[in-house]
Amino acid sequence: MNLDEAMQRVPDFWTKPEPKKGSLGEETDWVDFTELAISGGKMLVGDPEQLPQLEQCLCVDLPSGAYSVRAKVMRYGEDKRISRIRVSLKNGSDANIGAVIGTTGTDIAIIGICDAERIQAACEENPDECGEEIKQDAFGIDSSGVVHRDSCLIPVVSSGFGDGEFPVYELLSAAGRVGVEIEFIKHNEPYPF
């Protein structure tokens, strides 16, 4: 199963109950979303509009290489929300979740992830205008997708219940940090609406 399949809505709304405020959800296993290349040893996580401005995002040191981007989906009745996103080195499958290394936030209910060096190169002429274009492209995506800026791929996802600050955990293997996990919805977080 991939992320698009996990987020699909069942067309028969009468068979799936509407979520009730305070109800607990059911979380999927990890589902595949996309891949991401980190070439400069730094990854940015943040509001898509802010990605071209390095100081506005969480900048994470990671080994250069190919990364898998995976997600978990929390289902509250018919309402499905992305609860976590995990970016991990493709050969780092034995990674364990470590400590919180920072937070990332958004006020547009979308989080983007990208290679720091590539976004800087793609947006160096006008970072503000480039950020606005990335935001507009991200708005055109339902719950997840990939925005392109020259050679920079930017996986974007809806952030759980919307705007907010979210913890970012490091993923560790015997070799050190091999990725991150962003938590939008806690395991036993009740439905807030």
Protein backbone atom coordinates (compact mmCIF):
# COMPACT_ATOMS: atom_id res chain seq x y z
CA MET A 1 0.00 0.00 0.00
CA ASN A 2 1.24 3.51 -0.75
CA LEU A 3 0.21 6.83 0.78
CA ASP A 4 -2.33 7.68 -1.94
CA GLU A 5 -4.10 4.35 -1.36
CA ALA A 6 -4.04 4.83 2.43
CA MET A 7 -5.64 8.28 2.13
CA GLN A 8 -8.44 7.25 -0.27
CA ARG A 9 -11.92 7.79 1.04
CA VAL A 10 -14.43 4.95 0.95
CA PRO A 11 -17.29 6.12 -1.30
CA ASP A 12 -20.03 4.51 0.83
CA PHE A 13 -20.20 7.03 3.69
CA TRP A 14 -23.02 5.12 5.39
CA THR A 15 -20.77 2.14 6.21
CA LYS A 16 -18.11 4.19 7.99
CA PRO A 17 -19.14 6.29 10.97
CA GLU A 18 -18.35 9.98 11.16
CA PRO A 19 -15.75 10.60 13.85
CA LYS A 20 -16.92 11.86 17.21
CA LYS A 21 -15.04 14.44 19.24
CA GLY A 22 -12.82 12.62 21.73
CA SER A 23 -12.81 9.31 19.83
CA LEU A 24 -9.51 7.48 19.28
CA GLY A 25 -8.19 6.67 15.84
CA GLU A 26 -6.60 3.65 14.22
CA GLU A 27 -3.10 4.13 12.81
CA THR A 28 -1.79 2.30 9.74
CA ASP A 29 1.60 0.68 9.42
CA TRP A 30 4.23 2.66 7.51
CA VAL A 31 3.21 3.23 3.90
CA ASP A 32 5.48 4.28 1.04
CA PHE A 33 5.23 7.87 -0.17
CA THR A 34 8.27 8.83 -2.27
CA GLU A 35 12.05 9.00 -2.36
CA LEU A 36 14.33 11.95 -1.68
CA ALA A 37 18.00 12.50 -2.50
CA ILE A 38 20.12 14.40 0.02
CA SER A 39 23.32 15.51 -1.68
CA GLY A 40 24.65 18.28 0.54
CA GLY A 41 24.37 16.58 3.94
CA LYS A 42 21.54 18.84 5.15
CA MET A 43 17.77 18.44 4.96
CA LEU A 44 15.20 21.16 5.62
CA VAL A 45 11.82 20.55 7.26
CA GLY A 46 9.19 23.26 7.50
CA ASP A 47 6.38 25.33 6.08
CA PRO A 48 6.77 25.04 2.27
CA GLU A 49 6.78 28.82 1.85
CA GLN A 50 9.73 29.10 4.25
CA LEU A 51 11.93 26.36 2.74
CA PRO A 52 14.02 28.76 0.58
CA GLN A 53 14.94 30.65 3.76
CA LEU A 54 17.28 28.31 5.61
CA GLU A 55 16.95 30.14 8.95
CA GLN A 56 13.14 29.74 8.98
CA CYS A 57 13.18 25.92 8.95
CA LEU A 58 14.60 23.05 10.94
CA CYS A 59 17.90 22.12 9.30
CA VAL A 60 18.98 18.53 10.00
CA ASP A 61 22.46 17.13 9.34
CA LEU A 62 22.13 13.81 7.51
CA PRO A 63 24.49 11.67 5.46
CA SER A 64 24.24 12.26 1.73
CA GLY A 65 22.33 9.51 -0.06
CA ALA A 66 18.97 8.17 -1.17
CA TYR A 67 16.15 8.36 1.38
CA SER A 68 12.76 6.69 1.63
CA VAL A 69 9.88 8.92 2.66
CA ARG A 70 7.10 6.97 4.39
CA ALA A 71 4.01 7.93 6.34
CA LYS A 72 1.46 6.65 8.80
CA VAL A 73 -2.21 7.55 8.49
CA MET A 74 -4.59 7.90 11.44
CA ARG A 75 -8.20 7.03 10.68
CA TYR A 76 -11.01 8.48 12.76
CA GLY A 77 -14.14 6.96 11.24
CA GLU A 78 -14.18 8.32 7.69
CA ASP A 79 -11.67 11.10 8.44
CA LYS A 80 -8.07 10.16 7.53
CA ARG A 81 -5.11 12.28 8.62
CA ILE A 82 -1.37 11.89 8.10
CA SER A 83 -0.08 11.23 11.62
CA ARG A 84 3.67 10.79 11.01
CA ILE A 85 6.23 11.17 8.27
CA ARG A 86 9.55 9.33 8.28
CA VAL A 87 12.57 10.13 6.12
CA SER A 88 15.24 7.42 6.42
CA LEU A 89 18.40 6.44 4.58
CA LYS A 90 17.47 3.59 2.25
CA ASN A 91 20.08 1.25 3.75
CA GLY A 92 19.22 2.36 7.32
CA SER A 93 16.34 -0.08 7.80
CA ASP A 94 17.50 -1.02 11.30
CA ALA A 95 17.04 2.56 12.52
CA ASN A 96 15.51 3.22 15.93
CA ILE A 97 13.71 6.36 17.01
CA GLY A 98 15.86 8.60 19.18
CA ALA A 99 15.48 11.93 20.95
CA VAL A 100 13.62 15.02 19.82
CA ILE A 101 16.12 17.16 17.89
CA GLY A 102 13.83 20.13 17.33
CA THR A 103 10.41 21.18 16.13
CA THR A 104 8.95 22.28 12.86
CA GLY A 105 5.83 24.28 12.27
CA THR A 106 3.37 25.57 9.75
CA ASP A 107 0.52 28.04 9.57
CA ILE A 108 -0.82 26.62 6.28
CA ALA A 109 -1.38 23.02 7.50
CA ILE A 110 1.34 21.65 5.19
CA ILE A 111 4.92 20.54 5.89
CA GLY A 112 7.61 20.22 3.23
CA ILE A 113 10.93 18.37 3.25
CA CYS A 114 13.88 18.97 0.91
CA ASP A 115 17.62 18.95 0.34
CA ALA A 116 18.97 22.26 1.69
CA GLU A 117 21.62 22.71 -1.00
CA ARG A 118 19.19 22.07 -3.88
CA ILE A 119 16.47 24.42 -2.62
CA GLN A 120 19.04 27.16 -2.08
CA ALA A 121 20.31 26.75 -5.65
CA ALA A 122 16.78 26.64 -7.10
CA CYS A 123 15.66 29.76 -5.23
CA GLU A 124 18.81 31.87 -4.91
CA GLU A 125 17.63 34.71 -7.20
CA ASN A 126 14.44 35.50 -5.28
CA PRO A 127 13.78 33.32 -2.19
CA ASP A 128 10.55 35.13 -1.23
CA GLU A 129 8.97 34.73 -4.67
CA CYS A 130 10.16 31.14 -4.92
CA GLY A 131 8.68 30.39 -1.48
CA GLU A 132 5.33 31.84 -2.55
CA GLU A 133 5.36 29.67 -5.71
CA ILE A 134 6.16 26.54 -3.66
CA LYS A 135 3.30 27.38 -1.27
CA GLN A 136 0.85 27.82 -4.15
CA ASP A 137 1.94 24.50 -5.69
CA ALA A 138 1.56 22.80 -2.30
CA PHE A 139 -1.98 24.19 -1.95
CA GLY A 140 -2.86 22.36 -5.16
CA ILE A 141 -2.12 19.00 -3.53
CA ASP A 142 -4.83 17.21 -1.54
CA SER A 143 -3.05 15.47 1.37
CA SER A 144 0.36 14.59 -0.06
CA GLY A 145 2.45 15.12 -3.16
CA VAL A 146 5.74 16.32 -4.55
CA VAL A 147 6.48 19.90 -5.63
CA HIS A 148 9.36 20.45 -8.08
CA ARG A 149 11.72 23.45 -8.25
CA ASP A 150 14.41 22.85 -10.87
CA SER A 151 16.34 19.79 -9.61
CA CYS A 152 14.85 20.09 -6.11
CA LEU A 153 12.07 17.67 -5.17
CA ILE A 154 9.94 18.74 -2.22
CA PRO A 155 7.67 16.09 -0.70
CA VAL A 156 4.76 17.88 1.01
CA VAL A 157 2.11 16.48 3.35
CA SER A 158 -0.87 17.79 5.24
CA SER A 159 0.11 18.12 8.89
CA GLY A 160 -2.25 16.05 11.00
CA PHE A 161 -5.05 18.30 12.26
CA GLY A 162 -3.61 21.44 10.62
CA ASP A 163 -1.45 24.33 11.79
CA GLY A 164 0.98 23.89 14.66
CA GLU A 165 4.43 22.98 15.94
CA PHE A 166 5.49 19.35 15.69
CA PRO A 167 8.34 17.38 17.28
CA VAL A 168 11.06 15.99 15.03
CA TYR A 169 12.83 12.85 16.29
CA GLU A 170 16.15 11.58 15.02
CA LEU A 171 16.40 8.05 13.61
CA LEU A 172 19.57 6.26 14.70
CA SER A 173 21.51 3.22 13.57
CA ALA A 174 24.88 1.91 14.70
CA ALA A 175 26.46 4.38 12.25
CA GLY A 176 24.66 7.40 13.76
CA ARG A 177 21.77 9.56 12.51
CA VAL A 178 20.13 8.10 9.39
CA GLY A 179 16.88 10.06 9.24
CA VAL A 180 14.06 11.82 11.05
CA GLU A 181 10.46 11.20 12.08
CA ILE A 182 7.94 14.03 12.38
CA GLU A 183 4.95 13.43 14.66
CA PHE A 184 1.75 15.28 13.71
CA ILE A 185 -0.70 13.18 15.76
CA LYS A 186 0.28 11.23 18.89
CA HIS A 187 -0.62 7.52 19.07
CA ASN A 188 -3.56 8.00 21.45
CA GLU A 189 -4.55 11.54 20.53
CA PRO A 190 -8.34 11.96 20.55
CA TYR A 191 -10.26 13.48 17.63
CA PRO A 192 -10.47 17.22 18.38
CA PHE A 193 -13.47 18.32 16.28
